[in-house]
């Protein structure tokens, strides 16, 4: 089963105390169950404050663990949390009231993982040739056309009944945009100081039962 990809904008929508998503080290996590479990705990504050954001800077990319530093007062290596100590991070000094029987810390617990953060999102225009309706949607560059179709269903519940074409050529629905020859020209637009939003590639949908289809 293919993983689900998310854009940064999608993650950013989950930014309330009852809907807490974050991304880090290229993956997306739903920490709402963790927040429900520790409801009322002051150690949730840094996590809730980061809802909808990327927190990769909390982590050591090599180990995948929380960054550490040597405490100058004790000479002991400890977790580095300048934004405030949070759930599952031990206190700076031994404490009898800290419960450490939670098992794996949340950042090592894959049950919170919901998908992968796209390395690059793209805008595409989808034009329905039957109705002349047009939508510009943001997609993940790693997604294939079938997955992009799923994103488009909220605009047209019958999207699967259409043939998807680019420059008149039917698209391979289990291939990505790039594999279908729909190049990402954002970098070229940047180099030429052009507004990339004016050069969003257009995909045309042709209704399969439309007798006027060429």
N, C-alpha and C. Protein backbone atom coordinates (compact mmCIF):
# COMPACT_ATOMS: atom_id res chain seq x y z
N UNK A 1 0.84 -1.21 0.00
CA UNK A 1 0.00 0.00 0.00
C UNK A 1 0.87 1.25 0.00
N UNK A 2 0.58 2.17 -0.91
CA UNK A 2 1.37 3.39 -1.00
C UNK A 2 1.10 4.31 0.19
N UNK A 3 2.14 5.01 0.65
CA UNK A 3 1.91 5.96 1.75
C UNK A 3 1.12 7.16 1.25
N UNK A 4 0.49 7.87 2.17
CA UNK A 4 -0.24 9.07 1.83
C UNK A 4 0.68 10.27 1.99
N UNK A 5 0.65 11.14 1.00
CA UNK A 5 1.48 12.34 1.03
C UNK A 5 0.65 13.55 1.41
N UNK A 6 1.29 14.47 2.12
CA UNK A 6 0.63 15.69 2.55
C UNK A 6 1.50 16.90 2.20
N UNK A 7 0.85 18.01 1.90
CA UNK A 7 1.56 19.28 1.72
C UNK A 7 1.68 19.98 3.07
N UNK A 8 2.58 20.92 3.14
CA UNK A 8 2.73 21.71 4.37
C UNK A 8 1.44 22.45 4.69
N UNK A 9 0.76 22.91 3.65
CA UNK A 9 -0.50 23.63 3.86
C UNK A 9 -1.55 22.72 4.50
N UNK A 10 -1.58 21.46 4.09
CA UNK A 10 -2.54 20.52 4.68
C UNK A 10 -2.24 20.29 6.15
N UNK A 11 -0.97 20.14 6.47
CA UNK A 11 -0.59 19.94 7.88
C UNK A 11 -0.97 21.17 8.70
N UNK A 12 -0.79 22.35 8.14
CA UNK A 12 -1.02 23.59 8.88
C UNK A 12 -2.48 23.78 9.28
N UNK A 13 -3.40 23.07 8.62
CA UNK A 13 -4.82 23.19 8.95
C UNK A 13 -5.17 22.52 10.28
N UNK A 14 -4.31 21.62 10.72
CA UNK A 14 -4.56 20.87 11.97
C UNK A 14 -3.81 21.56 13.11
N UNK A 15 -4.34 22.68 13.56
CA UNK A 15 -3.59 23.56 14.45
C UNK A 15 -4.37 24.00 15.68
N UNK A 16 -5.28 23.15 16.15
CA UNK A 16 -6.04 23.48 17.35
C UNK A 16 -5.74 22.48 18.45
N UNK A 17 -6.17 22.80 19.64
CA UNK A 17 -5.89 21.94 20.79
C UNK A 17 -6.56 20.57 20.65
N UNK A 18 -7.61 20.49 19.84
CA UNK A 18 -8.31 19.22 19.62
C UNK A 18 -7.93 18.56 18.30
N UNK A 19 -7.00 19.15 17.59
CA UNK A 19 -6.58 18.62 16.28
C UNK A 19 -5.13 19.02 16.07
N UNK A 20 -4.22 18.19 16.57
CA UNK A 20 -2.80 18.55 16.62
C UNK A 20 -1.98 17.66 15.68
N UNK A 21 -1.60 18.23 14.54
CA UNK A 21 -0.70 17.55 13.63
C UNK A 21 0.63 18.31 13.61
N UNK A 22 1.70 17.57 13.42
CA UNK A 22 3.02 18.17 13.21
C UNK A 22 3.73 17.35 12.13
N UNK A 23 4.78 17.92 11.60
CA UNK A 23 5.65 17.17 10.71
C UNK A 23 7.07 17.28 11.24
N UNK A 24 7.83 16.21 11.05
CA UNK A 24 9.25 16.28 11.38
C UNK A 24 9.99 15.17 10.65
N UNK A 25 11.18 15.53 10.22
CA UNK A 25 12.07 14.60 9.50
C UNK A 25 11.35 13.92 8.34
N UNK A 26 10.53 14.68 7.64
CA UNK A 26 9.92 14.20 6.40
C UNK A 26 8.62 13.44 6.55
N UNK A 27 8.13 13.28 7.79
CA UNK A 27 6.88 12.55 7.98
C UNK A 27 5.86 13.40 8.72
N UNK A 28 4.61 12.98 8.65
CA UNK A 28 3.50 13.73 9.25
C UNK A 28 2.89 12.88 10.37
N UNK A 29 2.61 13.54 11.49
CA UNK A 29 2.11 12.83 12.66
C UNK A 29 0.86 13.52 13.22
N UNK A 30 -0.09 12.71 13.63
CA UNK A 30 -1.28 13.21 14.32
C UNK A 30 -1.08 12.95 15.81
N UNK A 31 -0.79 14.02 16.55
CA UNK A 31 -0.53 13.89 17.98
C UNK A 31 -1.77 14.16 18.82
N UNK A 32 -2.94 14.21 18.18
CA UNK A 32 -4.19 14.44 18.92
C UNK A 32 -4.40 13.38 20.00
N UNK A 33 -4.20 12.08 19.72
CA UNK A 33 -4.37 11.08 20.78
C UNK A 33 -3.42 11.31 21.95
N UNK A 34 -2.19 11.72 21.67
CA UNK A 34 -1.23 12.01 22.74
C UNK A 34 -1.74 13.17 23.60
N UNK A 35 -2.25 14.20 22.94
CA UNK A 35 -2.77 15.37 23.67
C UNK A 35 -3.99 15.01 24.50
N UNK A 36 -4.81 14.11 23.99
CA UNK A 36 -5.97 13.66 24.76
C UNK A 36 -5.53 12.86 25.99
N UNK A 37 -4.51 12.05 25.80
CA UNK A 37 -4.01 11.22 26.90
C UNK A 37 -3.43 12.07 28.02
N UNK A 38 -2.76 13.17 27.65
CA UNK A 38 -2.10 14.02 28.64
C UNK A 38 -2.84 15.35 28.82
N UNK A 39 -4.13 15.36 28.55
CA UNK A 39 -4.92 16.59 28.67
C UNK A 39 -4.71 17.26 30.02
N UNK A 40 -4.44 18.56 29.98
CA UNK A 40 -4.24 19.31 31.21
C UNK A 40 -2.81 19.36 31.70
N UNK A 41 -1.94 18.55 31.11
CA UNK A 41 -0.54 18.51 31.52
C UNK A 41 0.19 19.72 30.93
N UNK A 42 0.90 20.47 31.76
CA UNK A 42 1.61 21.65 31.29
C UNK A 42 2.68 21.30 30.26
N UNK A 43 3.13 20.03 30.28
CA UNK A 43 4.16 19.60 29.33
C UNK A 43 3.64 19.49 27.90
N UNK A 44 2.34 19.65 27.72
CA UNK A 44 1.77 19.66 26.37
C UNK A 44 1.96 21.01 25.68
N UNK A 45 2.24 22.03 26.47
CA UNK A 45 2.24 23.39 25.92
C UNK A 45 3.13 23.57 24.69
N UNK A 46 4.40 23.11 24.70
CA UNK A 46 5.23 23.27 23.48
C UNK A 46 4.68 22.53 22.28
N UNK A 47 4.05 21.37 22.52
CA UNK A 47 3.50 20.57 21.42
C UNK A 47 2.29 21.27 20.82
N UNK A 48 1.39 21.72 21.67
CA UNK A 48 0.19 22.41 21.17
C UNK A 48 0.57 23.71 20.46
N UNK A 49 1.59 24.40 20.99
CA UNK A 49 2.04 25.64 20.36
C UNK A 49 2.61 25.40 18.97
N UNK A 50 3.03 24.17 18.71
CA UNK A 50 3.62 23.82 17.41
C UNK A 50 2.65 23.11 16.49
N UNK A 51 1.38 23.04 16.88
CA UNK A 51 0.38 22.35 16.05
C UNK A 51 0.34 22.96 14.66
N UNK A 52 0.36 22.09 13.66
CA UNK A 52 0.30 22.53 12.27
C UNK A 52 1.65 22.93 11.69
N UNK A 53 2.72 22.77 12.47
CA UNK A 53 4.03 23.24 12.02
C UNK A 53 5.02 22.09 11.85
N UNK A 54 6.14 22.41 11.23
CA UNK A 54 7.23 21.44 11.12
C UNK A 54 8.18 21.63 12.29
N UNK A 55 8.49 20.56 13.00
CA UNK A 55 9.35 20.65 14.19
C UNK A 55 10.64 19.85 13.99
N UNK A 56 11.09 19.77 12.76
CA UNK A 56 12.32 19.01 12.49
C UNK A 56 13.51 19.57 13.25
N UNK A 57 13.47 20.87 13.56
CA UNK A 57 14.59 21.49 14.28
C UNK A 57 14.70 20.99 15.72
N UNK A 58 13.69 20.25 16.21
CA UNK A 58 13.77 19.64 17.54
C UNK A 58 14.67 18.41 17.53
N UNK A 59 14.96 17.88 16.34
CA UNK A 59 15.54 16.55 16.23
C UNK A 59 16.94 16.54 15.64
N UNK A 60 17.69 15.51 16.02
CA UNK A 60 18.97 15.21 15.41
C UNK A 60 18.69 14.36 14.17
N UNK A 61 19.02 14.86 13.01
CA UNK A 61 18.69 14.16 11.78
C UNK A 61 19.39 12.81 11.67
N UNK A 62 20.55 12.66 12.29
CA UNK A 62 21.29 11.41 12.19
C UNK A 62 20.67 10.31 13.05
N UNK A 63 20.22 10.67 14.25
CA UNK A 63 19.70 9.67 15.18
C UNK A 63 18.18 9.57 15.18
N UNK A 64 17.51 10.62 14.72
CA UNK A 64 16.06 10.65 14.77
C UNK A 64 15.53 10.91 16.17
N UNK A 65 16.43 11.17 17.10
CA UNK A 65 16.03 11.44 18.48
C UNK A 65 16.04 12.96 18.72
N UNK A 66 15.48 13.38 19.86
CA UNK A 66 15.51 14.78 20.23
C UNK A 66 16.96 15.23 20.36
N UNK A 67 17.26 16.42 19.92
CA UNK A 67 18.62 16.95 20.03
C UNK A 67 19.06 17.00 21.50
N UNK A 68 20.34 16.84 21.71
CA UNK A 68 20.88 16.88 23.07
C UNK A 68 21.97 17.94 23.17
N UNK A 69 22.29 18.28 24.41
CA UNK A 69 23.40 19.20 24.67
C UNK A 69 23.96 18.85 26.04
N UNK A 70 25.15 19.35 26.32
CA UNK A 70 25.78 19.12 27.61
C UNK A 70 25.41 20.28 28.53
N UNK A 71 24.76 19.96 29.61
CA UNK A 71 24.36 20.97 30.60
C UNK A 71 25.63 21.53 31.24
N UNK A 72 25.88 22.84 31.08
CA UNK A 72 27.12 23.41 31.60
C UNK A 72 27.24 23.34 33.12
N UNK A 73 26.09 23.25 33.81
CA UNK A 73 26.13 23.24 35.27
C UNK A 73 26.43 21.85 35.84
N UNK A 74 26.08 20.81 35.07
CA UNK A 74 26.27 19.45 35.58
C UNK A 74 27.25 18.63 34.74
N UNK A 75 27.49 19.06 33.50
CA UNK A 75 28.35 18.30 32.61
C UNK A 75 27.69 17.06 32.07
N UNK A 76 26.37 16.94 32.27
CA UNK A 76 25.62 15.76 31.81
C UNK A 76 24.90 16.08 30.50
N UNK A 77 24.91 15.14 29.57
CA UNK A 77 24.21 15.33 28.31
C UNK A 77 22.71 15.13 28.51
N UNK A 78 21.93 16.10 28.08
CA UNK A 78 20.48 16.07 28.27
C UNK A 78 19.77 16.47 26.98
N UNK A 79 18.49 16.18 26.93
CA UNK A 79 17.69 16.63 25.79
C UNK A 79 17.67 18.15 25.76
N UNK A 80 17.75 18.68 24.54
CA UNK A 80 17.79 20.13 24.34
C UNK A 80 16.38 20.60 23.96
N UNK A 81 15.77 21.37 24.84
CA UNK A 81 14.40 21.84 24.60
C UNK A 81 14.27 23.32 24.95
N UNK A 82 14.88 24.19 24.15
CA UNK A 82 14.83 25.62 24.45
C UNK A 82 13.43 26.20 24.40
N UNK A 83 12.52 25.50 23.72
CA UNK A 83 11.14 25.94 23.60
C UNK A 83 10.31 25.49 24.80
N UNK A 84 10.95 24.78 25.73
CA UNK A 84 10.26 24.29 26.92
C UNK A 84 10.21 22.77 26.94
N UNK A 85 10.39 22.21 28.09
CA UNK A 85 10.30 20.75 28.25
C UNK A 85 8.91 20.28 27.87
N UNK A 86 8.83 19.13 27.21
CA UNK A 86 7.54 18.62 26.76
C UNK A 86 7.38 17.15 27.14
N UNK A 87 6.20 16.62 26.83
CA UNK A 87 5.82 15.26 27.21
C UNK A 87 6.90 14.25 26.83
N UNK A 88 7.25 13.38 27.78
CA UNK A 88 8.21 12.29 27.66
C UNK A 88 9.66 12.73 27.74
N UNK A 89 9.91 14.02 27.88
CA UNK A 89 11.28 14.49 28.12
C UNK A 89 11.50 14.50 29.63
N UNK A 90 12.52 13.80 30.11
CA UNK A 90 12.73 13.73 31.57
C UNK A 90 13.09 15.10 32.15
N UNK A 91 12.81 15.29 33.43
CA UNK A 91 13.16 16.55 34.09
C UNK A 91 14.67 16.71 34.17
N UNK A 92 15.16 17.94 34.30
CA UNK A 92 16.61 18.16 34.32
C UNK A 92 17.30 17.51 35.51
N UNK A 93 16.54 17.31 36.59
CA UNK A 93 17.09 16.66 37.77
C UNK A 93 16.20 15.48 38.14
N UNK A 94 16.75 14.44 38.76
CA UNK A 94 15.92 13.29 39.17
C UNK A 94 14.72 13.74 39.99
N UNK A 95 13.56 13.16 39.66
CA UNK A 95 12.32 13.55 40.34
C UNK A 95 11.46 12.32 40.56
N UNK A 96 10.96 12.16 41.79
CA UNK A 96 10.16 10.99 42.12
C UNK A 96 8.75 11.04 41.54
N UNK A 97 8.31 12.23 41.13
CA UNK A 97 6.95 12.35 40.62
C UNK A 97 6.88 12.29 39.10
N UNK A 98 8.02 11.91 38.46
CA UNK A 98 8.00 11.79 37.00
C UNK A 98 7.79 10.33 36.63
N UNK A 99 6.67 10.06 35.97
CA UNK A 99 6.35 8.70 35.56
C UNK A 99 7.08 8.37 34.26
N UNK A 100 7.92 7.36 34.29
CA UNK A 100 8.69 6.98 33.10
C UNK A 100 8.28 5.61 32.59
N UNK A 101 7.03 5.24 32.88
CA UNK A 101 6.53 3.93 32.47
C UNK A 101 5.69 4.00 31.20
N UNK A 102 5.90 5.04 30.40
CA UNK A 102 5.07 5.24 29.20
C UNK A 102 5.54 4.40 28.02
N UNK A 103 6.66 3.71 28.15
CA UNK A 103 7.17 2.90 27.03
C UNK A 103 7.98 3.74 26.09
N UNK A 104 7.66 3.67 24.81
CA UNK A 104 8.39 4.44 23.81
C UNK A 104 7.94 5.90 23.87
N UNK A 105 8.87 6.85 23.79
CA UNK A 105 8.46 8.26 23.73
C UNK A 105 7.71 8.52 22.43
N UNK A 106 6.85 9.51 22.43
CA UNK A 106 5.95 9.72 21.29
C UNK A 106 6.70 9.91 19.97
N UNK A 107 7.88 10.50 20.01
CA UNK A 107 8.60 10.75 18.75
C UNK A 107 9.23 9.48 18.17
N UNK A 108 9.16 8.38 18.92
CA UNK A 108 9.64 7.10 18.40
C UNK A 108 8.50 6.11 18.22
N UNK A 109 7.28 6.58 18.37
CA UNK A 109 6.09 5.72 18.31
C UNK A 109 5.38 5.94 16.98
N UNK A 110 5.48 4.95 16.09
CA UNK A 110 4.94 5.14 14.75
C UNK A 110 3.42 5.05 14.67
N UNK A 111 2.75 4.81 15.80
CA UNK A 111 1.28 4.76 15.73
C UNK A 111 0.69 6.15 15.47
N UNK A 112 1.49 7.20 15.67
CA UNK A 112 1.00 8.55 15.42
C UNK A 112 1.24 8.98 13.96
N UNK A 113 2.01 8.19 13.24
CA UNK A 113 2.37 8.56 11.87
C UNK A 113 1.16 8.40 10.93
N UNK A 114 0.88 9.44 10.15
CA UNK A 114 -0.24 9.39 9.21
C UNK A 114 0.20 9.50 7.76
N UNK A 115 1.44 9.84 7.50
CA UNK A 115 1.88 9.93 6.12
C UNK A 115 3.23 10.60 5.98
N UNK A 116 3.52 11.00 4.77
CA UNK A 116 4.81 11.59 4.41
C UNK A 116 4.62 13.03 3.97
N UNK A 117 5.50 13.90 4.42
CA UNK A 117 5.47 15.30 3.99
C UNK A 117 6.12 15.40 2.62
N UNK A 118 5.41 15.98 1.66
CA UNK A 118 5.97 16.08 0.32
C UNK A 118 7.26 16.89 0.32
N UNK A 119 8.17 16.49 -0.53
CA UNK A 119 9.40 17.27 -0.69
C UNK A 119 9.14 18.51 -1.52
N UNK A 120 8.10 18.46 -2.34
CA UNK A 120 7.78 19.60 -3.20
C UNK A 120 6.32 19.54 -3.59
N UNK A 121 5.57 20.57 -3.28
CA UNK A 121 4.18 20.63 -3.74
C UNK A 121 4.12 21.37 -5.07
N UNK A 122 3.07 21.10 -5.82
CA UNK A 122 2.90 21.73 -7.13
C UNK A 122 1.46 22.19 -7.31
N UNK A 123 1.30 23.21 -8.14
CA UNK A 123 -0.03 23.64 -8.53
C UNK A 123 -0.33 23.11 -9.92
N UNK A 124 -1.55 22.62 -10.10
CA UNK A 124 -1.99 22.23 -11.45
C UNK A 124 -3.40 22.75 -11.67
N UNK A 125 -3.69 23.07 -12.91
CA UNK A 125 -5.05 23.46 -13.31
C UNK A 125 -5.74 22.24 -13.90
N UNK A 126 -6.97 22.03 -13.48
CA UNK A 126 -7.76 20.93 -14.04
C UNK A 126 -8.99 21.54 -14.69
N UNK A 127 -9.10 21.31 -15.99
CA UNK A 127 -10.17 21.92 -16.78
C UNK A 127 -11.12 20.84 -17.28
N UNK A 128 -12.37 20.94 -16.90
CA UNK A 128 -13.40 20.02 -17.36
C UNK A 128 -13.93 20.52 -18.69
N UNK A 129 -13.63 19.81 -19.76
CA UNK A 129 -14.04 20.28 -21.09
C UNK A 129 -15.54 20.16 -21.31
N UNK A 130 -16.22 19.35 -20.49
CA UNK A 130 -17.67 19.18 -20.63
C UNK A 130 -18.41 20.37 -20.04
N UNK A 131 -17.94 20.85 -18.90
CA UNK A 131 -18.64 21.93 -18.18
C UNK A 131 -17.89 23.27 -18.24
N UNK A 132 -16.65 23.24 -18.73
CA UNK A 132 -15.77 24.42 -18.78
C UNK A 132 -15.35 24.91 -17.39
N UNK A 133 -15.62 24.11 -16.36
CA UNK A 133 -15.18 24.49 -15.02
C UNK A 133 -13.68 24.24 -14.88
N UNK A 134 -13.05 25.12 -14.11
CA UNK A 134 -11.61 25.02 -13.93
C UNK A 134 -11.26 25.22 -12.46
N UNK A 135 -10.39 24.35 -11.94
CA UNK A 135 -9.90 24.47 -10.57
C UNK A 135 -8.37 24.40 -10.58
N UNK A 136 -7.76 25.18 -9.74
CA UNK A 136 -6.32 25.08 -9.51
C UNK A 136 -6.14 24.44 -8.14
N UNK A 137 -5.44 23.32 -8.11
CA UNK A 137 -5.27 22.60 -6.84
C UNK A 137 -3.79 22.37 -6.56
N UNK A 138 -3.48 22.26 -5.29
CA UNK A 138 -2.11 21.96 -4.87
C UNK A 138 -1.99 20.45 -4.66
N UNK A 139 -0.95 19.87 -5.22
CA UNK A 139 -0.74 18.43 -5.12
C UNK A 139 0.69 18.16 -4.68
N UNK A 140 0.96 16.93 -4.33
CA UNK A 140 2.31 16.51 -3.95
C UNK A 140 3.01 15.95 -5.18
N UNK A 141 4.26 16.32 -5.37
CA UNK A 141 4.99 15.89 -6.56
C UNK A 141 5.15 14.37 -6.62
N UNK A 142 5.08 13.70 -5.46
CA UNK A 142 5.25 12.24 -5.43
C UNK A 142 3.97 11.49 -5.78
N UNK A 143 2.85 12.18 -5.83
CA UNK A 143 1.56 11.52 -6.06
C UNK A 143 1.40 11.12 -7.52
N UNK A 144 0.74 9.98 -7.74
CA UNK A 144 0.41 9.62 -9.11
C UNK A 144 -0.94 10.25 -9.47
N UNK A 145 -1.34 10.08 -10.71
CA UNK A 145 -2.55 10.76 -11.20
C UNK A 145 -3.80 10.25 -10.50
N UNK A 146 -3.82 8.97 -10.15
CA UNK A 146 -4.97 8.44 -9.43
C UNK A 146 -5.13 9.12 -8.07
N UNK A 147 -4.01 9.39 -7.42
CA UNK A 147 -4.06 10.07 -6.13
C UNK A 147 -4.46 11.54 -6.29
N UNK A 148 -4.02 12.15 -7.38
CA UNK A 148 -4.45 13.52 -7.67
C UNK A 148 -5.94 13.55 -7.99
N UNK A 149 -6.41 12.50 -8.67
CA UNK A 149 -7.85 12.38 -8.95
C UNK A 149 -8.63 12.37 -7.64
N UNK A 150 -8.12 11.66 -6.63
CA UNK A 150 -8.80 11.61 -5.34
C UNK A 150 -8.91 12.99 -4.72
N UNK A 151 -7.90 13.81 -4.90
CA UNK A 151 -7.95 15.19 -4.40
C UNK A 151 -9.02 16.01 -5.13
N UNK A 152 -9.21 15.69 -6.39
CA UNK A 152 -10.12 16.47 -7.24
C UNK A 152 -11.58 16.06 -7.06
N UNK A 153 -11.83 14.93 -6.40
CA UNK A 153 -13.20 14.43 -6.26
C UNK A 153 -14.14 15.41 -5.57
N UNK A 154 -13.60 16.26 -4.69
CA UNK A 154 -14.48 17.21 -4.00
C UNK A 154 -15.03 18.26 -4.95
N UNK A 155 -14.41 18.41 -6.11
CA UNK A 155 -14.91 19.34 -7.12
C UNK A 155 -15.80 18.63 -8.14
N UNK A 156 -15.53 17.34 -8.34
CA UNK A 156 -16.30 16.57 -9.32
C UNK A 156 -16.30 15.11 -8.88
N UNK A 157 -17.41 14.67 -8.32
CA UNK A 157 -17.51 13.32 -7.78
C UNK A 157 -17.40 12.25 -8.87
N UNK A 158 -17.54 12.66 -10.14
CA UNK A 158 -17.49 11.71 -11.26
C UNK A 158 -16.17 11.82 -12.02
N UNK A 159 -15.12 12.29 -11.35
CA UNK A 159 -13.84 12.53 -12.03
C UNK A 159 -13.28 11.27 -12.68
N UNK A 160 -13.58 10.10 -12.12
CA UNK A 160 -13.06 8.85 -12.68
C UNK A 160 -13.74 8.49 -14.00
N UNK A 161 -14.83 9.17 -14.33
CA UNK A 161 -15.55 8.91 -15.58
C UNK A 161 -14.99 9.73 -16.74
N UNK A 162 -13.89 10.41 -16.50
CA UNK A 162 -13.27 11.25 -17.52
C UNK A 162 -11.92 10.67 -17.92
N UNK A 163 -11.51 10.97 -19.16
CA UNK A 163 -10.16 10.69 -19.60
C UNK A 163 -9.32 11.93 -19.33
N UNK A 164 -8.22 11.75 -18.62
CA UNK A 164 -7.36 12.87 -18.25
C UNK A 164 -6.25 12.99 -19.29
N UNK A 165 -6.10 14.21 -19.83
CA UNK A 165 -5.11 14.42 -20.88
C UNK A 165 -4.25 15.65 -20.60
N UNK A 166 -3.03 15.60 -21.10
CA UNK A 166 -2.13 16.75 -21.08
C UNK A 166 -1.57 16.92 -22.48
N UNK A 167 -1.76 18.12 -23.02
CA UNK A 167 -1.36 18.39 -24.41
C UNK A 167 -1.95 17.36 -25.37
N UNK A 168 -3.20 16.96 -25.09
CA UNK A 168 -3.91 16.04 -25.96
C UNK A 168 -3.55 14.58 -25.80
N UNK A 169 -2.62 14.28 -24.91
CA UNK A 169 -2.17 12.89 -24.72
C UNK A 169 -2.78 12.34 -23.42
N UNK A 170 -3.44 11.18 -23.50
CA UNK A 170 -4.01 10.59 -22.27
C UNK A 170 -2.91 10.32 -21.24
N UNK A 171 -3.22 10.59 -20.01
CA UNK A 171 -2.25 10.40 -18.94
C UNK A 171 -2.29 8.97 -18.40
N UNK A 172 -1.13 8.49 -17.99
CA UNK A 172 -1.04 7.19 -17.32
C UNK A 172 -1.36 7.44 -15.85
N UNK A 173 -2.48 6.91 -15.38
CA UNK A 173 -2.99 7.31 -14.08
C UNK A 173 -2.20 6.78 -12.89
N UNK A 174 -1.37 5.77 -13.09
CA UNK A 174 -0.54 5.31 -11.97
C UNK A 174 0.88 5.86 -12.05
N UNK A 175 1.07 6.88 -12.90
CA UNK A 175 2.34 7.59 -12.99
C UNK A 175 2.21 8.98 -12.39
N UNK A 176 3.33 9.56 -12.00
CA UNK A 176 3.33 10.91 -11.44
C UNK A 176 3.25 11.95 -12.56
N UNK A 177 3.16 13.20 -12.16
CA UNK A 177 3.15 14.28 -13.14
C UNK A 177 4.42 14.25 -13.99
N UNK A 178 5.57 14.15 -13.33
CA UNK A 178 6.85 14.13 -14.06
C UNK A 178 6.91 12.94 -15.00
N UNK A 179 6.49 11.77 -14.53
CA UNK A 179 6.52 10.57 -15.38
C UNK A 179 5.60 10.72 -16.58
N UNK A 180 4.58 11.56 -16.44
CA UNK A 180 3.68 11.82 -17.56
C UNK A 180 4.14 12.99 -18.43
N UNK A 181 5.33 13.49 -18.15
CA UNK A 181 5.88 14.56 -18.98
C UNK A 181 5.41 15.95 -18.60
N UNK A 182 4.79 16.09 -17.43
CA UNK A 182 4.34 17.40 -16.97
C UNK A 182 5.42 17.95 -16.05
N UNK A 183 6.34 18.70 -16.64
CA UNK A 183 7.53 19.14 -15.93
C UNK A 183 7.22 20.22 -14.90
N UNK A 184 8.05 20.26 -13.88
CA UNK A 184 7.96 21.31 -12.86
C UNK A 184 8.90 22.43 -13.28
N UNK A 185 8.34 23.56 -13.67
CA UNK A 185 9.14 24.67 -14.19
C UNK A 185 9.28 25.81 -13.20
N UNK A 186 9.02 25.55 -11.91
CA UNK A 186 9.11 26.61 -10.90
C UNK A 186 10.50 27.22 -10.85
N UNK A 187 11.54 26.37 -10.90
CA UNK A 187 12.90 26.89 -10.81
C UNK A 187 13.23 27.78 -12.00
N UNK A 188 12.78 27.38 -13.20
CA UNK A 188 13.03 28.19 -14.38
C UNK A 188 12.32 29.54 -14.28
N UNK A 189 11.10 29.51 -13.75
CA UNK A 189 10.35 30.75 -13.58
C UNK A 189 11.06 31.67 -12.59
N UNK A 190 11.61 31.07 -11.53
CA UNK A 190 12.33 31.86 -10.54
C UNK A 190 13.57 32.50 -11.16
N UNK A 191 14.32 31.71 -11.95
CA UNK A 191 15.53 32.23 -12.58
C UNK A 191 15.21 33.38 -13.53
N UNK A 192 14.05 33.30 -14.17
CA UNK A 192 13.66 34.33 -15.15
C UNK A 192 12.80 35.43 -14.52
N UNK A 193 12.65 35.36 -13.19
CA UNK A 193 11.82 36.34 -12.46
C UNK A 193 10.40 36.39 -13.00
N UNK A 194 9.88 35.21 -13.31
CA UNK A 194 8.52 35.10 -13.82
C UNK A 194 7.60 34.57 -12.72
N UNK A 195 6.35 34.97 -12.74
CA UNK A 195 5.37 34.50 -11.77
C UNK A 195 4.96 33.08 -12.15
N UNK A 196 5.40 32.10 -11.32
CA UNK A 196 5.12 30.70 -11.67
C UNK A 196 3.63 30.40 -11.70
N UNK A 197 2.83 31.19 -10.96
CA UNK A 197 1.39 30.94 -10.93
C UNK A 197 0.74 31.24 -12.28
N UNK A 198 1.44 32.01 -13.12
CA UNK A 198 0.92 32.28 -14.46
C UNK A 198 1.25 31.16 -15.43
N UNK A 199 2.05 30.20 -14.99
CA UNK A 199 2.49 29.11 -15.86
C UNK A 199 2.16 27.76 -15.25
N UNK A 200 1.00 27.69 -14.64
CA UNK A 200 0.55 26.44 -14.04
C UNK A 200 0.08 25.50 -15.15
N UNK A 201 0.63 24.27 -15.23
CA UNK A 201 0.21 23.36 -16.31
C UNK A 201 -1.26 23.00 -16.20
N UNK A 202 -1.87 22.80 -17.36
CA UNK A 202 -3.31 22.52 -17.41
C UNK A 202 -3.56 21.08 -17.86
N UNK A 203 -4.38 20.38 -17.09
CA UNK A 203 -4.82 19.03 -17.44
C UNK A 203 -6.29 19.14 -17.86
N UNK A 204 -6.61 18.55 -19.00
CA UNK A 204 -7.98 18.62 -19.52
C UNK A 204 -8.69 17.28 -19.31
N UNK A 205 -9.92 17.37 -18.84
CA UNK A 205 -10.74 16.18 -18.62
C UNK A 205 -11.79 16.07 -19.72
N UNK A 206 -11.88 14.88 -20.32
CA UNK A 206 -12.85 14.61 -21.38
C UNK A 206 -13.80 13.52 -20.90
N UNK A 207 -15.08 13.84 -20.84
CA UNK A 207 -16.07 12.88 -20.36
C UNK A 207 -16.12 11.69 -21.30
N UNK A 208 -16.03 10.50 -20.76
CA UNK A 208 -15.91 9.30 -21.57
C UNK A 208 -17.14 9.01 -22.43
N UNK A 209 -18.31 9.50 -22.01
CA UNK A 209 -19.54 9.28 -22.78
C UNK A 209 -19.90 10.44 -23.68
N UNK A 210 -18.98 11.41 -23.77
CA UNK A 210 -19.22 12.60 -24.60
C UNK A 210 -18.91 12.26 -26.05
N UNK A 211 -19.92 12.21 -26.91
CA UNK A 211 -19.72 11.83 -28.31
C UNK A 211 -18.97 12.89 -29.10
N UNK A 212 -18.79 14.09 -28.51
CA UNK A 212 -18.06 15.15 -29.24
C UNK A 212 -16.57 15.06 -28.96
N UNK A 213 -16.16 14.14 -28.08
CA UNK A 213 -14.74 14.05 -27.76
C UNK A 213 -13.93 13.63 -28.99
N UNK A 214 -12.83 14.32 -29.18
CA UNK A 214 -12.02 14.05 -30.37
C UNK A 214 -11.25 12.75 -30.19
